Full PDB file with SEQRES, HELIX, SHEET, SSBOND, CRYST1, ORIGX, SCALE, CONECT and MASTER records, all heavy atoms in Angstrom:
SEQRES   1 A   41  ASP LEU ARG TYR ARG GLY GLN SER PHE GLU LEU GLY ILE          
SEQRES   2 A   41  PRO VAL GLN LEU SER ASP PRO VAL GLU CYS ILE GLU GLN          
SEQRES   3 A   41  GLN PHE HIS ALA THR HIS GLN GLN ARG TYR GLY TRP GLN          
SEQRES   4 A   41  ASP PRO                                                      
HELIX    1 AA1 VAL A   21  TYR A   36  1                                  16    
CRYST1    1.000    1.000    1.000  90.00  90.00  90.00 P 1           1          
ORIGX1      1.000000  0.000000  0.000000        0.00000                         
ORIGX2      0.000000  1.000000  0.000000        0.00000                         
ORIGX3      0.000000  0.000000  1.000000        0.00000                         
SCALE1      1.000000  0.000000  0.000000        0.00000                         
SCALE2      0.000000  1.000000  0.000000        0.00000                         
SCALE3      0.000000  0.000000  1.000000        0.00000                         
ATOM      1  N   ASP A   1     145.784  60.217 106.282  1.00  0.00           N  
ATOM      2  CA  ASP A   1     145.174  59.080 105.601  1.00  0.00           C  
ATOM      3  C   ASP A   1     145.774  59.014 104.203  1.00  0.00           C  
ATOM      4  O   ASP A   1     145.545  59.902 103.375  1.00  0.00           O  
ATOM      5  CB  ASP A   1     143.661  59.249 105.516  1.00  0.00           C  
ATOM      6  CG  ASP A   1     142.985  59.142 106.872  1.00  0.00           C  
ATOM      7  OD1 ASP A   1     143.676  58.799 107.847  1.00  0.00           O  
ATOM      8  OD2 ASP A   1     141.777  59.414 106.955  1.00  0.00           O  
ATOM      9  N   LEU A   2     146.545  57.955 103.950  1.00  0.00           N  
ATOM     10  CA  LEU A   2     147.282  57.832 102.687  1.00  0.00           C  
ATOM     11  C   LEU A   2     146.850  56.575 101.946  1.00  0.00           C  
ATOM     12  O   LEU A   2     146.433  55.584 102.549  1.00  0.00           O  
ATOM     13  CB  LEU A   2     148.797  57.777 102.955  1.00  0.00           C  
ATOM     14  CG  LEU A   2     149.423  58.959 103.705  1.00  0.00           C  
ATOM     15  CD1 LEU A   2     150.898  58.696 103.961  1.00  0.00           C  
ATOM     16  CD2 LEU A   2     149.246  60.254 102.920  1.00  0.00           C  
ATOM     17  N   ARG A   3     147.014  56.614 100.607  1.00  0.00           N  
ATOM     18  CA  ARG A   3     146.738  55.446  99.777  1.00  0.00           C  
ATOM     19  C   ARG A   3     147.521  55.573  98.480  1.00  0.00           C  
ATOM     20  O   ARG A   3     147.958  56.668  98.105  1.00  0.00           O  
ATOM     21  CB  ARG A   3     145.247  55.339  99.473  1.00  0.00           C  
ATOM     22  CG  ARG A   3     144.721  56.444  98.558  1.00  0.00           C  
ATOM     23  CD  ARG A   3     143.230  56.320  98.332  1.00  0.00           C  
ATOM     24  NE  ARG A   3     142.742  57.301  97.356  1.00  0.00           N  
ATOM     25  CZ  ARG A   3     141.462  57.480  97.051  1.00  0.00           C  
ATOM     26  NH1 ARG A   3     140.539  56.740  97.638  1.00  0.00           N  
ATOM     27  NH2 ARG A   3     141.100  58.374  96.159  1.00  0.00           N  
ATOM     28  N   TYR A   4     147.715  54.445  97.814  1.00  0.00           N  
ATOM     29  CA  TYR A   4     148.222  54.500  96.444  1.00  0.00           C  
ATOM     30  C   TYR A   4     147.116  55.029  95.538  1.00  0.00           C  
ATOM     31  O   TYR A   4     145.927  54.772  95.775  1.00  0.00           O  
ATOM     32  CB  TYR A   4     148.661  53.105  95.972  1.00  0.00           C  
ATOM     33  CG  TYR A   4     149.905  52.584  96.657  1.00  0.00           C  
ATOM     34  CD1 TYR A   4     149.886  51.360  97.336  1.00  0.00           C  
ATOM     35  CD2 TYR A   4     151.095  53.298  96.612  1.00  0.00           C  
ATOM     36  CE1 TYR A   4     151.026  50.869  97.961  1.00  0.00           C  
ATOM     37  CE2 TYR A   4     152.245  52.811  97.236  1.00  0.00           C  
ATOM     38  CZ  TYR A   4     152.197  51.607  97.906  1.00  0.00           C  
ATOM     39  OH  TYR A   4     153.323  51.132  98.528  1.00  0.00           O  
ATOM     40  N   ARG A   5     147.505  55.761  94.517  1.00  0.00           N  
ATOM     41  CA  ARG A   5     146.517  56.337  93.617  1.00  0.00           C  
ATOM     42  C   ARG A   5     145.643  55.235  93.010  1.00  0.00           C  
ATOM     43  O   ARG A   5     146.131  54.238  92.511  1.00  0.00           O  
ATOM     44  CB  ARG A   5     147.211  57.116  92.497  1.00  0.00           C  
ATOM     45  CG  ARG A   5     146.231  57.871  91.589  1.00  0.00           C  
ATOM     46  CD  ARG A   5     146.963  58.724  90.579  1.00  0.00           C  
ATOM     47  NE  ARG A   5     147.747  57.894  89.667  1.00  0.00           N  
ATOM     48  CZ  ARG A   5     148.595  58.392  88.746  1.00  0.00           C  
ATOM     49  NH1 ARG A   5     148.764  59.699  88.660  1.00  0.00           N  
ATOM     50  NH2 ARG A   5     149.259  57.583  87.960  1.00  0.00           N  
ATOM     51  N   GLY A   6     144.325  55.431  93.107  1.00  0.00           N  
ATOM     52  CA  GLY A   6     143.384  54.462  92.571  1.00  0.00           C  
ATOM     53  C   GLY A   6     142.841  53.488  93.594  1.00  0.00           C  
ATOM     54  O   GLY A   6     141.870  52.781  93.311  1.00  0.00           O  
ATOM     55  N   GLN A   7     143.456  53.427  94.784  1.00  0.00           N  
ATOM     56  CA  GLN A   7     142.919  52.544  95.814  1.00  0.00           C  
ATOM     57  C   GLN A   7     141.621  53.113  96.386  1.00  0.00           C  
ATOM     58  O   GLN A   7     141.370  54.311  96.326  1.00  0.00           O  
ATOM     59  CB  GLN A   7     143.942  52.356  96.940  1.00  0.00           C  
ATOM     60  CG  GLN A   7     145.088  51.422  96.586  1.00  0.00           C  
ATOM     61  CD  GLN A   7     146.003  51.169  97.775  1.00  0.00           C  
ATOM     62  OE1 GLN A   7     146.373  52.085  98.487  1.00  0.00           O  
ATOM     63  NE2 GLN A   7     146.377  49.913  97.977  1.00  0.00           N  
ATOM     64  N   SER A   8     140.816  52.236  96.976  1.00  0.00           N  
ATOM     65  CA  SER A   8     139.518  52.647  97.507  1.00  0.00           C  
ATOM     66  C   SER A   8     139.570  53.017  98.980  1.00  0.00           C  
ATOM     67  O   SER A   8     138.678  53.709  99.473  1.00  0.00           O  
ATOM     68  CB  SER A   8     138.487  51.525  97.315  1.00  0.00           C  
ATOM     69  OG  SER A   8     138.298  51.256  95.944  1.00  0.00           O  
ATOM     70  N   PHE A   9     140.597  52.552  99.700  1.00  0.00           N  
ATOM     71  CA  PHE A   9     140.659  52.799 101.133  1.00  0.00           C  
ATOM     72  C   PHE A   9     142.061  53.242 101.520  1.00  0.00           C  
ATOM     73  O   PHE A   9     143.024  53.043 100.778  1.00  0.00           O  
ATOM     74  CB  PHE A   9     140.234  51.562 101.918  1.00  0.00           C  
ATOM     75  CG  PHE A   9     138.813  51.181 101.646  1.00  0.00           C  
ATOM     76  CD1 PHE A   9     138.504  50.205 100.708  1.00  0.00           C  
ATOM     77  CD2 PHE A   9     137.777  51.819 102.299  1.00  0.00           C  
ATOM     78  CE1 PHE A   9     137.196  49.858 100.442  1.00  0.00           C  
ATOM     79  CE2 PHE A   9     136.460  51.483 102.044  1.00  0.00           C  
ATOM     80  CZ  PHE A   9     136.169  50.506 101.113  1.00  0.00           C  
ATOM     81  N   GLU A  10     142.170  53.832 102.730  1.00  0.00           N  
ATOM     82  CA  GLU A  10     143.401  54.479 103.143  1.00  0.00           C  
ATOM     83  C   GLU A  10     143.979  53.819 104.387  1.00  0.00           C  
ATOM     84  O   GLU A  10     143.302  53.080 105.096  1.00  0.00           O  
ATOM     85  CB  GLU A  10     143.149  55.966 103.458  1.00  0.00           C  
ATOM     86  CG  GLU A  10     142.553  56.754 102.322  1.00  0.00           C  
ATOM     87  CD  GLU A  10     141.051  56.553 102.186  1.00  0.00           C  
ATOM     88  OE1 GLU A  10     140.325  56.632 103.208  1.00  0.00           O  
ATOM     89  OE2 GLU A  10     140.593  56.297 101.064  1.00  0.00           O  
ATOM     90  N   LEU A  11     145.243  54.137 104.659  1.00  0.00           N  
ATOM     91  CA  LEU A  11     145.918  53.757 105.889  1.00  0.00           C  
ATOM     92  C   LEU A  11     146.273  55.022 106.653  1.00  0.00           C  
ATOM     93  O   LEU A  11     146.775  55.985 106.072  1.00  0.00           O  
ATOM     94  CB  LEU A  11     147.191  52.957 105.600  1.00  0.00           C  
ATOM     95  CG  LEU A  11     147.022  51.524 105.094  1.00  0.00           C  
ATOM     96  CD1 LEU A  11     148.381  50.932 104.737  1.00  0.00           C  
ATOM     97  CD2 LEU A  11     146.340  50.662 106.150  1.00  0.00           C  
ATOM     98  N   GLY A  12     146.026  55.028 107.954  1.00  0.00           N  
ATOM     99  CA  GLY A  12     146.396  56.169 108.782  1.00  0.00           C  
ATOM    100  C   GLY A  12     147.855  56.065 109.199  1.00  0.00           C  
ATOM    101  O   GLY A  12     148.283  55.054 109.764  1.00  0.00           O  
ATOM    102  N   ILE A  13     148.637  57.111 108.926  1.00  0.00           N  
ATOM    103  CA  ILE A  13     150.064  57.129 109.221  1.00  0.00           C  
ATOM    104  C   ILE A  13     150.356  58.285 110.174  1.00  0.00           C  
ATOM    105  O   ILE A  13     150.158  59.450 109.809  1.00  0.00           O  
ATOM    106  CB  ILE A  13     150.907  57.289 107.935  1.00  0.00           C  
ATOM    107  CG1 ILE A  13     150.540  56.215 106.913  1.00  0.00           C  
ATOM    108  CG2 ILE A  13     152.389  57.261 108.268  1.00  0.00           C  
ATOM    109  CD1 ILE A  13     150.833  54.805 107.354  1.00  0.00           C  
ATOM    110  N   PRO A  14     150.845  58.025 111.403  1.00  0.00           N  
ATOM    111  CA  PRO A  14     151.218  59.125 112.310  1.00  0.00           C  
ATOM    112  C   PRO A  14     152.385  59.923 111.715  1.00  0.00           C  
ATOM    113  O   PRO A  14     153.340  59.342 111.177  1.00  0.00           O  
ATOM    114  CB  PRO A  14     151.639  58.408 113.594  1.00  0.00           C  
ATOM    115  CG  PRO A  14     151.068  57.025 113.481  1.00  0.00           C  
ATOM    116  CD  PRO A  14     151.029  56.707 112.014  1.00  0.00           C  
ATOM    117  N   VAL A  15     152.316  61.240 111.813  1.00  0.00           N  
ATOM    118  CA  VAL A  15     153.355  62.090 111.242  1.00  0.00           C  
ATOM    119  C   VAL A  15     153.629  63.259 112.178  1.00  0.00           C  
ATOM    120  O   VAL A  15     152.832  63.596 113.047  1.00  0.00           O  
ATOM    121  CB  VAL A  15     152.948  62.642 109.853  1.00  0.00           C  
ATOM    122  CG1 VAL A  15     152.740  61.514 108.862  1.00  0.00           C  
ATOM    123  CG2 VAL A  15     151.705  63.512 109.951  1.00  0.00           C  
ATOM    124  N   GLN A  16     154.793  63.883 111.963  1.00  0.00           N  
ATOM    125  CA  GLN A  16     155.122  65.179 112.534  1.00  0.00           C  
ATOM    126  C   GLN A  16     155.051  66.209 111.413  1.00  0.00           C  
ATOM    127  O   GLN A  16     155.342  65.895 110.261  1.00  0.00           O  
ATOM    128  CB  GLN A  16     156.526  65.168 113.150  1.00  0.00           C  
ATOM    129  CG  GLN A  16     156.726  64.142 114.247  1.00  0.00           C  
ATOM    130  CD  GLN A  16     155.959  64.473 115.507  1.00  0.00           C  
ATOM    131  OE1 GLN A  16     155.703  65.641 115.795  1.00  0.00           O  
ATOM    132  NE2 GLN A  16     155.584  63.447 116.264  1.00  0.00           N  
ATOM    133  N   LEU A  17     154.668  67.433 111.759  1.00  0.00           N  
ATOM    134  CA  LEU A  17     154.542  68.456 110.723  1.00  0.00           C  
ATOM    135  C   LEU A  17     155.867  68.724 110.024  1.00  0.00           C  
ATOM    136  O   LEU A  17     155.893  69.164 108.875  1.00  0.00           O  
ATOM    137  CB  LEU A  17     154.000  69.752 111.333  1.00  0.00           C  
ATOM    138  CG  LEU A  17     152.577  69.683 111.901  1.00  0.00           C  
ATOM    139  CD1 LEU A  17     152.164  71.037 112.449  1.00  0.00           C  
ATOM    140  CD2 LEU A  17     151.581  69.217 110.840  1.00  0.00           C  
ATOM    141  N   SER A  18     156.962  68.454 110.724  1.00  0.00           N  
ATOM    142  CA  SER A  18     158.286  68.720 110.146  1.00  0.00           C  
ATOM    143  C   SER A  18     158.834  67.548 109.346  1.00  0.00           C  
ATOM    144  O   SER A  18     159.920  67.657 108.760  1.00  0.00           O  
ATOM    145  CB  SER A  18     159.270  69.070 111.265  1.00  0.00           C  
ATOM    146  OG  SER A  18     159.339  68.019 112.223  1.00  0.00           O  
ATOM    147  N   ASP A  19     158.117  66.418 109.297  1.00  0.00           N  
ATOM    148  CA  ASP A  19     158.629  65.244 108.584  1.00  0.00           C  
ATOM    149  C   ASP A  19     158.772  65.527 107.094  1.00  0.00           C  
ATOM    150  O   ASP A  19     157.834  66.054 106.463  1.00  0.00           O  
ATOM    151  CB  ASP A  19     157.680  64.055 108.771  1.00  0.00           C  
ATOM    152  CG  ASP A  19     157.750  63.463 110.162  1.00  0.00           C  
ATOM    153  OD1 ASP A  19     158.693  63.800 110.894  1.00  0.00           O  
ATOM    154  OD2 ASP A  19     156.858  62.666 110.519  1.00  0.00           O  
ATOM    155  N   PRO A  20     159.924  65.179 106.484  1.00  0.00           N  
ATOM    156  CA  PRO A  20     160.047  65.296 105.024  1.00  0.00           C  
ATOM    157  C   PRO A  20     159.062  64.357 104.327  1.00  0.00           C  
ATOM    158  O   PRO A  20     158.702  63.301 104.854  1.00  0.00           O  
ATOM    159  CB  PRO A  20     161.493  64.871 104.760  1.00  0.00           C  
ATOM    160  CG  PRO A  20     162.196  64.976 106.068  1.00  0.00           C  
ATOM    161  CD  PRO A  20     161.162  64.699 107.114  1.00  0.00           C  
ATOM    162  N   VAL A  21     158.634  64.742 103.150  1.00  0.00           N  
ATOM    163  CA  VAL A  21     157.686  63.937 102.387  1.00  0.00           C  
ATOM    164  C   VAL A  21     158.255  62.542 102.126  1.00  0.00           C  
ATOM    165  O   VAL A  21     157.532  61.538 102.182  1.00  0.00           O  
ATOM    166  CB  VAL A  21     157.331  64.647 101.067  1.00  0.00           C  
ATOM    167  CG1 VAL A  21     156.589  63.696 100.131  1.00  0.00           C  
ATOM    168  CG2 VAL A  21     156.479  65.875 101.341  1.00  0.00           C  
ATOM    169  N   GLU A  22     159.544  62.465 101.870  1.00  0.00           N  
ATOM    170  CA  GLU A  22     160.154  61.164 101.582  1.00  0.00           C  
ATOM    171  C   GLU A  22     160.031  60.210 102.768  1.00  0.00           C  
ATOM    172  O   GLU A  22     159.792  59.004 102.603  1.00  0.00           O  
ATOM    173  CB  GLU A  22     161.636  61.349 101.218  1.00  0.00           C  
ATOM    174  CG  GLU A  22     161.886  62.089  99.907  1.00  0.00           C  
ATOM    175  CD  GLU A  22     161.688  63.600 100.032  1.00  0.00           C  
ATOM    176  OE1 GLU A  22     161.570  64.083 101.188  1.00  0.00           O  
ATOM    177  OE2 GLU A  22     161.645  64.280  98.992  1.00  0.00           O  
ATOM    178  N   CYS A  23     160.200  60.737 103.982  1.00  0.00           N  
ATOM    179  CA  CYS A  23     160.073  59.882 105.171  1.00  0.00           C  
ATOM    180  C   CYS A  23     158.633  59.398 105.351  1.00  0.00           C  
ATOM    181  O   CYS A  23     158.395  58.248 105.730  1.00  0.00           O  
ATOM    182  CB  CYS A  23     160.532  60.649 106.406  1.00  0.00           C  
ATOM    183  SG  CYS A  23     162.296  61.004 106.434  1.00  0.00           S  
ATOM    184  N   ILE A  24     157.678  60.289 105.069  1.00  0.00           N  
ATOM    185  CA  ILE A  24     156.273  59.894 105.181  1.00  0.00           C  
ATOM    186  C   ILE A  24     155.960  58.801 104.166  1.00  0.00           C  
ATOM    187  O   ILE A  24     155.266  57.825 104.479  1.00  0.00           O  
ATOM    188  CB  ILE A  24     155.362  61.121 104.974  1.00  0.00           C  
ATOM    189  CG1 ILE A  24     155.605  62.159 106.066  1.00  0.00           C  
ATOM    190  CG2 ILE A  24     153.896  60.703 104.963  1.00  0.00           C  
ATOM    191  CD1 ILE A  24     154.848  63.460 105.866  1.00  0.00           C  
ATOM    192  N   GLU A  25     156.475  58.944 102.950  1.00  0.00           N  
ATOM    193  CA  GLU A  25     156.263  57.918 101.919  1.00  0.00           C  
ATOM    194  C   GLU A  25     156.828  56.575 102.358  1.00  0.00           C  
ATOM    195  O   GLU A  25     156.172  55.538 102.233  1.00  0.00           O  
ATOM    196  CB  GLU A  25     156.907  58.353 100.606  1.00  0.00           C  
ATOM    197  CG  GLU A  25     156.039  59.235  99.738  1.00  0.00           C  
ATOM    198  CD  GLU A  25     156.631  59.413  98.353  1.00  0.00           C  
ATOM    199  OE1 GLU A  25     157.852  59.145  98.187  1.00  0.00           O  
ATOM    200  OE2 GLU A  25     155.897  59.803  97.443  1.00  0.00           O  
ATOM    201  N   GLN A  26     158.048  56.581 102.891  1.00  0.00           N  
ATOM    202  CA  GLN A  26     158.681  55.336 103.314  1.00  0.00           C  
ATOM    203  C   GLN A  26     157.874  54.665 104.430  1.00  0.00           C  
ATOM    204  O   GLN A  26     157.701  53.440 104.448  1.00  0.00           O  
ATOM    205  CB  GLN A  26     160.108  55.608 103.779  1.00  0.00           C  
ATOM    206  CG  GLN A  26     161.055  56.026 102.654  1.00  0.00           C  
ATOM    207  CD  GLN A  26     162.421  56.427 103.175  1.00  0.00           C  
ATOM    208  OE1 GLN A  26     162.719  56.287 104.364  1.00  0.00           O  
ATOM    209  NE2 GLN A  26     163.268  56.944 102.284  1.00  0.00           N  
ATOM    210  N   GLN A  27     157.355  55.475 105.364  1.00  0.00           N  
ATOM    211  CA  GLN A  27     156.549  54.914 106.441  1.00  0.00           C  
ATOM    212  C   GLN A  27     155.257  54.302 105.898  1.00  0.00           C  
ATOM    213  O   GLN A  27     154.816  53.244 106.351  1.00  0.00           O  
ATOM    214  CB  GLN A  27     156.234  56.007 107.464  1.00  0.00           C  
ATOM    215  CG  GLN A  27     155.565  55.485 108.729  1.00  0.00           C  
ATOM    216  CD  GLN A  27     155.324  56.582 109.743  1.00  0.00           C  
ATOM    217  OE1 GLN A  27     155.708  57.736 109.555  1.00  0.00           O  
ATOM    218  NE2 GLN A  27     154.657  56.235 110.828  1.00  0.00           N  
ATOM    219  N   PHE A  28     154.654  54.963 104.916  1.00  0.00           N  
ATOM    220  CA  PHE A  28     153.436  54.411 104.307  1.00  0.00           C  
ATOM    221  C   PHE A  28     153.734  53.086 103.600  1.00  0.00           C  
ATOM    222  O   PHE A  28     152.981  52.113 103.758  1.00  0.00           O  
ATOM    223  CB  PHE A  28     152.847  55.404 103.312  1.00  0.00           C  
ATOM    224  CG  PHE A  28     151.752  54.821 102.464  1.00  0.00           C  
ATOM    225  CD1 PHE A  28     150.511  54.529 103.000  1.00  0.00           C  
ATOM    226  CD2 PHE A  28     151.979  54.524 101.121  1.00  0.00           C  
ATOM    227  CE1 PHE A  28     149.505  53.968 102.220  1.00  0.00           C  
ATOM    228  CE2 PHE A  28     150.983  53.973 100.343  1.00  0.00           C  
ATOM    229  CZ  PHE A  28     149.742  53.691 100.892  1.00  0.00           C  
ATOM    230  N   HIS A  29     154.817  53.033 102.824  1.00  0.00           N  
ATOM    231  CA  HIS A  29     155.164  51.785 102.126  1.00  0.00           C  
ATOM    232  C   HIS A  29     155.363  50.645 103.130  1.00  0.00           C  
ATOM    233  O   HIS A  29     154.882  49.521 102.923  1.00  0.00           O  
ATOM    234  CB  HIS A  29     156.441  51.978 101.305  1.00  0.00           C  
ATOM    235  CG  HIS A  29     156.313  52.954 100.175  1.00  0.00           C  
ATOM    236  ND1 HIS A  29     155.211  52.983  99.350  1.00  0.00           N  
ATOM    237  CD2 HIS A  29     157.158  53.928  99.729  1.00  0.00           C  
ATOM    238  CE1 HIS A  29     155.375  53.947  98.445  1.00  0.00           C  
ATOM    239  NE2 HIS A  29     156.536  54.524  98.657  1.00  0.00           N  
ATOM    240  N   ALA A  30     156.085  50.937 104.239  1.00  0.00           N  
ATOM    241  CA  ALA A  30     156.354  49.896 105.230  1.00  0.00           C  
ATOM    242  C   ALA A  30     155.057  49.434 105.908  1.00  0.00           C  
ATOM    243  O   ALA A  30     154.850  48.235 106.134  1.00  0.00           O  
ATOM    244  CB  ALA A  30     157.336  50.418 106.271  1.00  0.00           C  
ATOM    245  N   THR A  31     154.167  50.367 106.224  1.00  0.00           N  
ATOM    246  CA  THR A  31     152.895  50.005 106.844  1.00  0.00           C  
ATOM    247  C   THR A  31     152.027  49.196 105.887  1.00  0.00           C  
ATOM    248  O   THR A  31     151.361  48.234 106.282  1.00  0.00           O  
ATOM    249  CB  THR A  31     152.146  51.274 107.294  1.00  0.00           C  
ATOM    250  OG1 THR A  31     152.976  52.034 108.167  1.00  0.00           O  
ATOM    251  CG2 THR A  31     150.852  50.924 108.000  1.00  0.00           C  
ATOM    252  N   HIS A  32     152.032  49.576 104.613  1.00  0.00           N  
ATOM    253  CA  HIS A  32     151.269  48.841 103.605  1.00  0.00           C  
ATOM    254  C   HIS A  32     151.810  47.417 103.471  1.00  0.00           C  
ATOM    255  O   HIS A  32     151.040  46.451 103.329  1.00  0.00           O  
ATOM    256  CB  HIS A  32     151.352  49.580 102.264  1.00  0.00           C  
ATOM    257  CG  HIS A  32     150.268  49.234 101.302  1.00  0.00           C  
ATOM    258  ND1 HIS A  32     150.290  48.074 100.556  1.00  0.00           N  
ATOM    259  CD2 HIS A  32     149.127  49.876 100.948  1.00  0.00           C  
ATOM    260  CE1 HIS A  32     149.209  48.024  99.783  1.00  0.00           C  
ATOM    261  NE2 HIS A  32     148.483  49.106 100.010  1.00  0.00           N  
ATOM    262  N   GLN A  33     153.131  47.264 103.536  1.00  0.00           N  
ATOM    263  CA  GLN A  33     153.745  45.944 103.453  1.00  0.00           C  
ATOM    264  C   GLN A  33     153.313  45.082 104.642  1.00  0.00           C  
ATOM    265  O   GLN A  33     152.959  43.905 104.476  1.00  0.00           O  
ATOM    266  CB  GLN A  33     155.267  46.088 103.439  1.00  0.00           C  
ATOM    267  CG  GLN A  33     156.035  44.779 103.505  1.00  0.00           C  
ATOM    268  CD  GLN A  33     155.952  43.979 102.218  1.00  0.00           C  
ATOM    269  OE1 GLN A  33     156.063  44.554 101.130  1.00  0.00           O  
ATOM    270  NE2 GLN A  33     155.777  42.677 102.311  1.00  0.00           N  
ATOM    271  N   GLN A  34     153.313  45.675 105.848  1.00  0.00           N  
ATOM    272  CA  GLN A  34     152.933  44.915 107.039  1.00  0.00           C  
ATOM    273  C   GLN A  34     151.462  44.506 106.991  1.00  0.00           C  
ATOM    274  O   GLN A  34     151.109  43.380 107.327  1.00  0.00           O  
ATOM    275  CB  GLN A  34     153.198  45.743 108.293  1.00  0.00           C  
ATOM    276  CG  GLN A  34     152.843  45.002 109.583  1.00  0.00           C  
ATOM    277  CD  GLN A  34     152.843  45.925 110.790  1.00  0.00           C  
ATOM    278  OE1 GLN A  34     152.119  46.922 110.833  1.00  0.00           O  
ATOM    279  NE2 GLN A  34     153.662  45.602 111.765  1.00  0.00           N  
ATOM    280  N   ARG A  35     150.595  45.429 106.547  1.00  0.00           N  
ATOM    281  CA  ARG A  35     149.165  45.169 106.591  1.00  0.00           C  
ATOM    282  C   ARG A  35     148.723  44.238 105.474  1.00  0.00           C  
ATOM    283  O   ARG A  35     147.909  43.330 105.697  1.00  0.00           O  
ATOM    284  CB  ARG A  35     148.408  46.496 106.494  1.00  0.00           C  
ATOM    285  CG  ARG A  35     146.886  46.352 106.511  1.00  0.00           C  
ATOM    286  CD  ARG A  35     146.364  45.849 107.848  1.00  0.00           C  
ATOM    287  NE  ARG A  35     146.692  46.764 108.923  1.00  0.00           N  
ATOM    288  CZ  ARG A  35     145.926  47.789 109.295  1.00  0.00           C  
ATOM    289  NH1 ARG A  35     144.793  48.009 108.670  1.00  0.00           N  
ATOM    290  NH2 ARG A  35     146.290  48.547 110.296  1.00  0.00           N  
ATOM    291  N   TYR A  36     149.241  44.443 104.251  1.00  0.00           N  
ATOM    292  CA  TYR A  36     148.716  43.714 103.090  1.00  0.00           C  
ATOM    293  C   TYR A  36     149.719  42.758 102.442  1.00  0.00           C  
ATOM    294  O   TYR A  36     149.354  42.019 101.533  1.00  0.00           O  
ATOM    295  CB  TYR A  36     148.226  44.710 102.027  1.00  0.00           C  
ATOM    296  CG  TYR A  36     147.134  45.613 102.520  1.00  0.00           C  
ATOM    297  CD1 TYR A  36     147.331  46.986 102.611  1.00  0.00           C  
ATOM    298  CD2 TYR A  36     145.899  45.104 102.913  1.00  0.00           C  
ATOM    299  CE1 TYR A  36     146.335  47.834 103.076  1.00  0.00           C  
ATOM    300  CE2 TYR A  36     144.895  45.944 103.379  1.00  0.00           C  
ATOM    301  CZ  TYR A  36     145.120  47.304 103.456  1.00  0.00           C  
ATOM    302  OH  TYR A  36     144.134  48.134 103.921  1.00  0.00           O  
ATOM    303  N   GLY A  37     150.972  42.791 102.904  1.00  0.00           N  
ATOM    304  CA  GLY A  37     151.957  41.866 102.371  1.00  0.00           C  
ATOM    305  C   GLY A  37     152.623  42.307 101.087  1.00  0.00           C  
ATOM    306  O   GLY A  37     153.347  41.531 100.468  1.00  0.00           O  
ATOM    307  N   TRP A  38     152.415  43.541 100.658  1.00  0.00           N  
ATOM    308  CA  TRP A  38     153.086  44.044  99.462  1.00  0.00           C  
ATOM    309  C   TRP A  38     153.157  45.565  99.514  1.00  0.00           C  
ATOM    310  O   TRP A  38     152.434  46.220 100.260  1.00  0.00           O  
ATOM    311  CB  TRP A  38     152.361  43.613  98.180  1.00  0.00           C  
ATOM    312  CG  TRP A  38     150.987  44.209  98.016  1.00  0.00           C  
ATOM    313  CD1 TRP A  38     149.820  43.749  98.542  1.00  0.00           C  
ATOM    314  CD2 TRP A  38     150.651  45.394  97.275  1.00  0.00           C  
ATOM    315  NE1 TRP A  38     148.772  44.552  98.185  1.00  0.00           N  
ATOM    316  CE2 TRP A  38     149.241  45.568  97.407  1.00  0.00           C  
ATOM    317  CE3 TRP A  38     151.375  46.312  96.515  1.00  0.00           C  
ATOM    318  CZ2 TRP A  38     148.566  46.628  96.802  1.00  0.00           C  
ATOM    319  CZ3 TRP A  38     150.698  47.365  95.912  1.00  0.00           C  
ATOM    320  CH2 TRP A  38     149.314  47.521  96.050  1.00  0.00           C  
ATOM    321  N   GLN A  39     154.067  46.110  98.720  1.00  0.00           N  
ATOM    322  CA  GLN A  39     154.193  47.548  98.557  1.00  0.00           C  
ATOM    323  C   GLN A  39     154.684  47.842  97.151  1.00  0.00           C  
ATOM    324  O   GLN A  39     155.231  46.968  96.467  1.00  0.00           O  
ATOM    325  CB  GLN A  39     155.168  48.138  99.577  1.00  0.00           C  
ATOM    326  CG  GLN A  39     156.585  47.556  99.491  1.00  0.00           C  
ATOM    327  CD  GLN A  39     157.542  48.262 100.423  1.00  0.00           C  
ATOM    328  OE1 GLN A  39     157.742  49.459 100.313  1.00  0.00           O  
ATOM    329  NE2 GLN A  39     158.129  47.501 101.366  1.00  0.00           N  
ATOM    330  N   ASP A  40     154.469  49.079  96.694  1.00  0.00           N  
ATOM    331  CA  ASP A  40     154.887  49.480  95.345  1.00  0.00           C  
ATOM    332  C   ASP A  40     155.417  50.907  95.406  1.00  0.00           C  
ATOM    333  O   ASP A  40     154.687  51.873  95.174  1.00  0.00           O  
ATOM    334  CB  ASP A  40     153.711  49.389  94.371  1.00  0.00           C  
ATOM    335  CG  ASP A  40     154.145  49.617  92.921  1.00  0.00           C  
ATOM    336  OD1 ASP A  40     155.340  49.917  92.701  1.00  0.00           O  
ATOM    337  OD2 ASP A  40     153.301  49.482  92.017  1.00  0.00           O  
ATOM    338  N   PRO A  41     156.693  51.072  95.756  1.00  0.00           N  
ATOM    339  CA  PRO A  41     157.255  52.420  95.883  1.00  0.00           C  
ATOM    340  C   PRO A  41     157.194  53.233  94.601  1.00  0.00           C  
ATOM    341  O   PRO A  41     157.326  54.471  94.653  1.00  0.00           O  
ATOM    342  CB  PRO A  41     158.708  52.150  96.296  1.00  0.00           C  
ATOM    343  CG  PRO A  41     158.684  50.781  96.919  1.00  0.00           C  
ATOM    344  CD  PRO A  41     157.653  50.025  96.146  1.00  0.00           C  
TER     345      PRO A  41                                                      
MASTER        0    0    0    1    0    0    0    6  344    1    0    4          
END                                                                             
């Protein structure tokens, strides 16, 4: 469950334990863009 700092709610992002943090971040940004129409890397 990920969110931008200060947000009130989270998005669930499927991950593998071996995934690099950078890949997880990119997946979160893309999911946030699809769901809400914007992202802030």
